[in-house]
Amino acid sequence: MPSTLHQEYDVRVLAVRPWGLDVVLPDGTAGLIDNAKDPRWPDGDQQAAVGTVVRAVVLDDERDPVRMSARDDDRAVARALREAAGR
C-alpha cells in the first residue's frame, strides 16, 4: 500500500535529525516530519519521541522520503480535502 497524499497514518519515529523526525509508515515507506510540522518542536523532548507512534498526514507523496505533518491543523485540512474529494 503506497502512501497517499492527504491520508493519515500512524507512523513510528525512527530517529531525530537536526531538521526533523525520520519516520516509517505501516507499509515500510520512509517519511520525514520537518521540525516545523512537529508540534513538540522546539519546546518538547524530541529524543524521547524515538520509538513512539505518531499520527501524521502525508503532505507530499512525490518525494523520498514522503513529507508528513503531525500538526492538528494540517490533519484537519487534509480531512477536509479528502471529504471534498469523496475519499
N, C-alpha and C. Protein backbone atom coordinates (compact mmCIF):
# COMPACT_ATOMS: atom_id res chain seq x y z
N MET A 1 0.85 -1.18 0.00
CA MET A 1 0.00 0.00 0.00
C MET A 1 0.89 1.23 0.00
N PRO A 2 1.01 1.93 -1.12
CA PRO A 2 1.84 3.13 -1.15
C PRO A 2 1.17 4.27 -0.38
N SER A 3 2.00 5.16 0.13
CA SER A 3 1.45 6.31 0.84
C SER A 3 0.65 7.16 -0.13
N THR A 4 -0.39 7.79 0.37
CA THR A 4 -1.29 8.56 -0.47
C THR A 4 -1.41 9.98 0.06
N LEU A 5 -1.36 10.93 -0.84
CA LEU A 5 -1.48 12.34 -0.49
C LEU A 5 -2.72 12.59 0.35
N HIS A 6 -2.57 13.32 1.43
CA HIS A 6 -3.62 13.73 2.36
C HIS A 6 -4.16 12.61 3.24
N GLN A 7 -3.61 11.42 3.16
CA GLN A 7 -4.06 10.33 4.03
C GLN A 7 -3.30 10.39 5.36
N GLU A 8 -3.98 9.95 6.42
CA GLU A 8 -3.37 9.92 7.75
C GLU A 8 -2.91 8.51 8.07
N TYR A 9 -1.79 8.43 8.76
CA TYR A 9 -1.21 7.15 9.15
C TYR A 9 -0.66 7.26 10.56
N ASP A 10 -0.60 6.12 11.24
CA ASP A 10 0.14 6.02 12.49
C ASP A 10 1.56 5.63 12.11
N VAL A 11 2.51 6.53 12.31
CA VAL A 11 3.89 6.31 11.91
C VAL A 11 4.78 6.14 13.14
N ARG A 12 5.83 5.35 12.99
CA ARG A 12 6.78 5.13 14.08
C ARG A 12 7.99 6.03 13.86
N VAL A 13 8.40 6.73 14.93
CA VAL A 13 9.58 7.60 14.87
C VAL A 13 10.82 6.73 14.97
N LEU A 14 11.69 6.83 13.97
CA LEU A 14 12.92 6.04 13.93
C LEU A 14 14.13 6.80 14.46
N ALA A 15 14.20 8.10 14.15
CA ALA A 15 15.37 8.88 14.53
C ALA A 15 15.03 10.36 14.56
N VAL A 16 15.83 11.09 15.33
CA VAL A 16 15.72 12.55 15.38
C VAL A 16 16.91 13.12 14.62
N ARG A 17 16.64 14.01 13.70
CA ARG A 17 17.68 14.69 12.92
C ARG A 17 17.59 16.18 13.22
N PRO A 18 18.63 16.95 12.91
CA PRO A 18 18.56 18.40 13.16
C PRO A 18 17.39 19.08 12.44
N TRP A 19 16.94 18.51 11.33
CA TRP A 19 15.88 19.11 10.52
C TRP A 19 14.51 18.50 10.75
N GLY A 20 14.42 17.40 11.52
CA GLY A 20 13.11 16.80 11.78
C GLY A 20 13.20 15.36 12.23
N LEU A 21 12.10 14.65 12.07
CA LEU A 21 11.99 13.27 12.52
C LEU A 21 11.93 12.31 11.34
N ASP A 22 12.77 11.28 11.37
CA ASP A 22 12.66 10.19 10.40
C ASP A 22 11.59 9.24 10.93
N VAL A 23 10.61 8.93 10.09
CA VAL A 23 9.52 8.05 10.50
C VAL A 23 9.34 6.95 9.45
N VAL A 24 8.59 5.92 9.83
CA VAL A 24 8.26 4.86 8.89
C VAL A 24 6.76 4.62 8.95
N LEU A 25 6.14 4.53 7.77
CA LEU A 25 4.71 4.25 7.66
C LEU A 25 4.47 2.76 7.88
N PRO A 26 3.22 2.36 8.13
CA PRO A 26 2.92 0.95 8.38
C PRO A 26 3.38 0.00 7.27
N ASP A 27 3.44 0.49 6.02
CA ASP A 27 3.86 -0.37 4.91
C ASP A 27 5.37 -0.39 4.70
N GLY A 28 6.12 0.33 5.55
CA GLY A 28 7.57 0.38 5.44
C GLY A 28 8.10 1.57 4.68
N THR A 29 7.22 2.40 4.13
CA THR A 29 7.63 3.60 3.42
C THR A 29 8.29 4.58 4.38
N ALA A 30 9.42 5.16 3.95
CA ALA A 30 10.13 6.15 4.76
C ALA A 30 9.42 7.50 4.68
N GLY A 31 9.38 8.20 5.81
CA GLY A 31 8.77 9.52 5.86
C GLY A 31 9.62 10.49 6.65
N LEU A 32 9.34 11.77 6.48
CA LEU A 32 10.03 12.82 7.22
C LEU A 32 9.00 13.81 7.74
N ILE A 33 9.07 14.09 9.03
CA ILE A 33 8.27 15.16 9.62
C ILE A 33 9.24 16.29 9.92
N ASP A 34 9.17 17.35 9.12
CA ASP A 34 10.03 18.52 9.31
C ASP A 34 9.76 19.14 10.68
N ASN A 35 10.78 19.75 11.27
CA ASN A 35 10.60 20.38 12.58
C ASN A 35 9.38 21.30 12.63
N ALA A 36 9.14 22.05 11.55
CA ALA A 36 8.01 22.98 11.53
C ALA A 36 6.67 22.26 11.56
N LYS A 37 6.66 20.98 11.25
CA LYS A 37 5.43 20.19 11.23
C LYS A 37 5.31 19.25 12.42
N ASP A 38 6.20 19.42 13.40
CA ASP A 38 6.19 18.62 14.63
C ASP A 38 5.73 19.51 15.78
N PRO A 39 4.56 19.25 16.36
CA PRO A 39 4.05 20.13 17.41
C PRO A 39 4.92 20.17 18.66
N ARG A 40 5.82 19.21 18.84
CA ARG A 40 6.70 19.22 20.02
C ARG A 40 7.89 20.16 19.86
N TRP A 41 8.22 20.54 18.63
CA TRP A 41 9.40 21.34 18.37
C TRP A 41 9.07 22.81 18.52
N PRO A 42 9.86 23.67 19.10
CA PRO A 42 11.19 23.42 19.65
C PRO A 42 11.18 23.13 21.15
N ASP A 43 10.01 23.13 21.77
CA ASP A 43 9.94 23.06 23.23
C ASP A 43 9.95 21.65 23.80
N GLY A 44 9.60 20.66 23.02
CA GLY A 44 9.48 19.31 23.55
C GLY A 44 10.78 18.53 23.51
N ASP A 45 10.76 17.36 24.11
CA ASP A 45 11.91 16.47 24.12
C ASP A 45 11.80 15.53 22.94
N GLN A 46 12.40 15.91 21.81
CA GLN A 46 12.28 15.09 20.61
C GLN A 46 12.99 13.75 20.75
N GLN A 47 14.08 13.69 21.50
CA GLN A 47 14.78 12.41 21.67
C GLN A 47 13.85 11.36 22.29
N ALA A 48 12.95 11.81 23.17
CA ALA A 48 12.01 10.88 23.80
C ALA A 48 11.01 10.32 22.79
N ALA A 49 10.90 10.95 21.62
CA ALA A 49 9.94 10.52 20.61
C ALA A 49 10.38 9.26 19.88
N VAL A 50 11.68 8.95 19.89
CA VAL A 50 12.18 7.78 19.16
C VAL A 50 11.49 6.52 19.68
N GLY A 51 10.92 5.77 18.75
CA GLY A 51 10.21 4.54 19.09
C GLY A 51 8.72 4.72 19.31
N THR A 52 8.26 5.95 19.43
CA THR A 52 6.84 6.19 19.65
C THR A 52 6.08 6.20 18.32
N VAL A 53 4.77 6.09 18.43
CA VAL A 53 3.90 6.15 17.26
C VAL A 53 3.19 7.50 17.27
N VAL A 54 3.19 8.16 16.12
CA VAL A 54 2.63 9.49 15.96
C VAL A 54 1.61 9.44 14.83
N ARG A 55 0.50 10.14 14.99
CA ARG A 55 -0.48 10.27 13.91
C ARG A 55 -0.01 11.40 13.01
N ALA A 56 0.13 11.13 11.71
CA ALA A 56 0.63 12.14 10.78
C ALA A 56 -0.08 12.01 9.44
N VAL A 57 -0.05 13.09 8.69
CA VAL A 57 -0.69 13.14 7.38
C VAL A 57 0.38 13.36 6.31
N VAL A 58 0.16 12.75 5.14
CA VAL A 58 1.09 12.91 4.02
C VAL A 58 0.81 14.24 3.34
N LEU A 59 1.84 15.09 3.27
CA LEU A 59 1.75 16.38 2.60
C LEU A 59 2.29 16.32 1.17
N ASP A 60 3.27 15.46 0.94
CA ASP A 60 3.89 15.35 -0.38
C ASP A 60 4.31 13.90 -0.58
N ASP A 61 3.58 13.19 -1.44
CA ASP A 61 3.88 11.78 -1.67
C ASP A 61 4.78 11.55 -2.87
N GLU A 62 5.25 12.63 -3.49
CA GLU A 62 6.14 12.53 -4.65
C GLU A 62 7.61 12.53 -4.25
N ARG A 63 7.91 12.87 -3.01
CA ARG A 63 9.30 12.96 -2.56
C ARG A 63 9.70 11.70 -1.82
N ASP A 64 11.01 11.50 -1.72
CA ASP A 64 11.53 10.35 -1.00
C ASP A 64 12.58 10.85 -0.02
N PRO A 65 12.28 10.78 1.26
CA PRO A 65 11.11 10.21 1.90
C PRO A 65 9.89 11.12 1.75
N VAL A 66 8.68 10.52 1.90
CA VAL A 66 7.47 11.32 1.80
C VAL A 66 7.46 12.36 2.91
N ARG A 67 6.92 13.54 2.62
CA ARG A 67 6.87 14.62 3.61
C ARG A 67 5.55 14.52 4.35
N MET A 68 5.63 14.65 5.68
CA MET A 68 4.47 14.45 6.53
C MET A 68 4.35 15.57 7.55
N SER A 69 3.19 15.65 8.19
CA SER A 69 2.96 16.60 9.27
C SER A 69 2.21 15.92 10.40
N ALA A 70 2.61 16.24 11.62
CA ALA A 70 1.90 15.75 12.81
C ALA A 70 1.05 16.85 13.44
N ARG A 71 0.96 18.00 12.78
CA ARG A 71 0.19 19.12 13.32
C ARG A 71 -1.30 18.89 13.13
N ASP A 72 -2.07 19.23 14.17
CA ASP A 72 -3.53 19.06 14.12
C ASP A 72 -4.15 19.85 12.97
N ASP A 73 -3.66 21.08 12.74
CA ASP A 73 -4.27 21.90 11.69
C ASP A 73 -4.02 21.31 10.30
N ASP A 74 -2.86 20.74 10.06
CA ASP A 74 -2.59 20.10 8.77
C ASP A 74 -3.46 18.85 8.59
N ARG A 75 -3.65 18.10 9.66
CA ARG A 75 -4.51 16.92 9.58
C ARG A 75 -5.96 17.32 9.32
N ALA A 76 -6.41 18.42 9.91
CA ALA A 76 -7.78 18.90 9.69
C ALA A 76 -7.97 19.34 8.23
N VAL A 77 -6.99 20.04 7.68
CA VAL A 77 -7.07 20.46 6.27
C VAL A 77 -7.12 19.23 5.37
N ALA A 78 -6.28 18.24 5.65
CA ALA A 78 -6.27 17.02 4.83
C ALA A 78 -7.61 16.30 4.91
N ARG A 79 -8.21 16.24 6.11
CA ARG A 79 -9.52 15.60 6.25
C ARG A 79 -10.56 16.32 5.39
N ALA A 80 -10.54 17.66 5.43
CA ALA A 80 -11.48 18.44 4.63
C ALA A 80 -11.27 18.19 3.13
N LEU A 81 -10.02 18.11 2.70
CA LEU A 81 -9.73 17.83 1.29
C LEU A 81 -10.21 16.43 0.89
N ARG A 82 -10.01 15.45 1.77
CA ARG A 82 -10.48 14.09 1.47
C ARG A 82 -12.00 14.06 1.37
N GLU A 83 -12.68 14.75 2.30
CA GLU A 83 -14.15 14.78 2.27
C GLU A 83 -14.65 15.46 1.01
N ALA A 84 -14.01 16.56 0.61
CA ALA A 84 -14.42 17.28 -0.59
C ALA A 84 -14.22 16.42 -1.84
N ALA A 85 -13.21 15.56 -1.81
CA ALA A 85 -12.93 14.68 -2.95
C ALA A 85 -13.72 13.38 -2.88
N GLY A 86 -14.47 13.20 -1.79
CA GLY A 86 -15.27 11.99 -1.64
C GLY A 86 -14.47 10.75 -1.26
N ARG A 87 -13.29 10.95 -0.61
CA ARG A 87 -12.47 9.81 -0.20
C ARG A 87 -12.55 9.59 1.27
